[in-house]
Amino acid sequence: MAADEQTTEQTPGPAESETEPTAAQQEPTRPLLRVVSPHATPEEIAALVAVLTAVGGVEAAAPARRPEWSAPHRGVRRTHPHGPAGWRSSTLPR
């Protein structure tokens, strides 16, 4: 029996953070929508929820930028310079 007492004394108890409830567990959840009129039908409530969901939706993500190498303006060709050595200056930036 002395061995059992020693093992229970040496076994550590649960940490304090495990026994205390977190803030999310302590706060009661509030309903997102409360019906005030007792005469509302389930269809009216469903319509109201649908409208509020459509209006208050998450903003659409910004469209991804197209890489510069595949931009449409790069497909438009410029005219080559005229005159001697025009072919050489055609590769230089303007």
Protein backbone atom coordinates (compact mmCIF):
# COMPACT_ATOMS: atom_id res chain seq x y z
CA MET A 1 0.00 0.00 0.00
CA ALA A 2 2.92 2.32 0.58
CA ALA A 3 3.96 1.87 -3.07
CA ASP A 4 0.51 3.00 -4.25
CA GLU A 5 0.68 6.12 -2.11
CA GLN A 6 4.11 7.00 -3.49
CA THR A 7 2.97 6.67 -7.11
CA THR A 8 -0.05 8.88 -6.54
CA GLU A 9 2.07 11.49 -4.82
CA GLN A 10 4.60 11.53 -7.66
CA THR A 11 2.02 11.75 -10.42
CA PRO A 12 1.65 15.41 -11.41
CA GLY A 13 -1.84 16.87 -11.58
CA PRO A 14 -3.32 18.63 -14.59
CA ALA A 15 -1.88 22.03 -15.43
CA GLU A 16 -3.89 25.08 -14.44
CA SER A 17 -4.41 26.12 -18.06
CA GLU A 18 -6.13 22.80 -18.81
CA THR A 19 -8.63 23.15 -15.97
CA GLU A 20 -9.64 26.77 -16.64
CA PRO A 21 -12.18 27.28 -19.44
CA THR A 22 -11.13 29.56 -22.27
CA ALA A 23 -12.86 32.83 -23.13
CA ALA A 24 -14.72 31.19 -26.02
CA GLN A 25 -16.15 28.55 -23.70
CA GLN A 26 -17.28 31.10 -21.11
CA GLU A 27 -19.23 33.45 -23.40
CA PRO A 28 -22.70 32.32 -24.49
CA THR A 29 -23.32 32.58 -28.21
CA ARG A 30 -25.76 35.21 -29.42
CA PRO A 31 -28.15 34.42 -32.26
CA LEU A 32 -27.32 36.18 -35.52
CA LEU A 33 -30.97 36.84 -36.30
CA ARG A 34 -33.86 37.40 -33.92
CA VAL A 35 -37.48 37.27 -35.07
CA VAL A 36 -39.49 40.01 -33.35
CA SER A 37 -42.85 39.49 -35.07
CA PRO A 38 -44.70 36.38 -33.86
CA HIS A 39 -46.61 36.21 -37.15
CA ALA A 40 -43.60 35.55 -39.41
CA THR A 41 -43.89 32.42 -41.49
CA PRO A 42 -40.93 30.13 -42.17
CA GLU A 43 -41.02 31.23 -45.84
CA GLU A 44 -40.72 34.90 -44.84
CA ILE A 45 -37.82 34.14 -42.53
CA ALA A 46 -36.11 32.12 -45.29
CA ALA A 47 -36.57 35.00 -47.74
CA LEU A 48 -35.13 37.46 -45.22
CA VAL A 49 -32.12 35.23 -44.57
CA ALA A 50 -31.53 34.84 -48.33
CA VAL A 51 -31.61 38.61 -48.88
CA LEU A 52 -29.30 39.33 -45.96
CA THR A 53 -26.89 36.65 -47.11
CA ALA A 54 -26.77 38.07 -50.63
CA VAL A 55 -26.31 41.67 -49.50
CA GLY A 56 -23.81 41.10 -46.73
CA GLY A 57 -21.61 38.58 -48.50
CA VAL A 58 -17.86 38.51 -48.48
CA GLU A 59 -16.13 40.83 -50.93
CA ALA A 60 -14.88 39.20 -54.08
CA ALA A 61 -11.17 38.65 -54.26
CA ALA A 62 -9.22 41.00 -56.49
CA PRO A 63 -8.43 39.48 -59.87
CA ALA A 64 -4.94 38.10 -60.13
CA ARG A 65 -2.51 40.31 -61.99
CA ARG A 66 -1.45 39.00 -65.35
CA PRO A 67 2.31 38.50 -65.65
CA GLU A 68 3.95 41.15 -67.81
CA TRP A 69 5.36 38.63 -70.27
CA SER A 70 1.86 37.50 -71.26
CA ALA A 71 0.21 40.93 -71.22
CA PRO A 72 -1.91 41.70 -74.32
CA HIS A 73 -0.02 44.89 -75.18
CA ARG A 74 3.14 42.88 -75.75
CA GLY A 75 1.50 41.08 -78.66
CA VAL A 76 1.07 44.31 -80.62
CA ARG A 77 4.01 44.88 -82.93
CA ARG A 78 5.58 48.26 -83.45
CA THR A 79 6.90 49.36 -86.79
CA HIS A 80 10.61 48.99 -87.32
CA PRO A 81 12.67 52.14 -87.74
CA HIS A 82 13.46 53.05 -91.33
CA GLY A 83 16.85 53.82 -92.73
CA PRO A 84 20.32 52.40 -92.44
CA ALA A 85 20.85 50.19 -89.37
CA GLY A 86 17.12 50.24 -88.69
CA TRP A 87 17.16 46.56 -87.92
CA ARG A 88 19.76 47.17 -85.21
CA SER A 89 17.79 49.95 -83.52
CA SER A 90 14.60 47.87 -83.61
CA THR A 91 15.78 45.94 -80.57
CA LEU A 92 16.56 49.03 -78.51
CA PRO A 93 13.92 50.34 -76.09
CA ARG A 94 12.11 53.51 -77.12
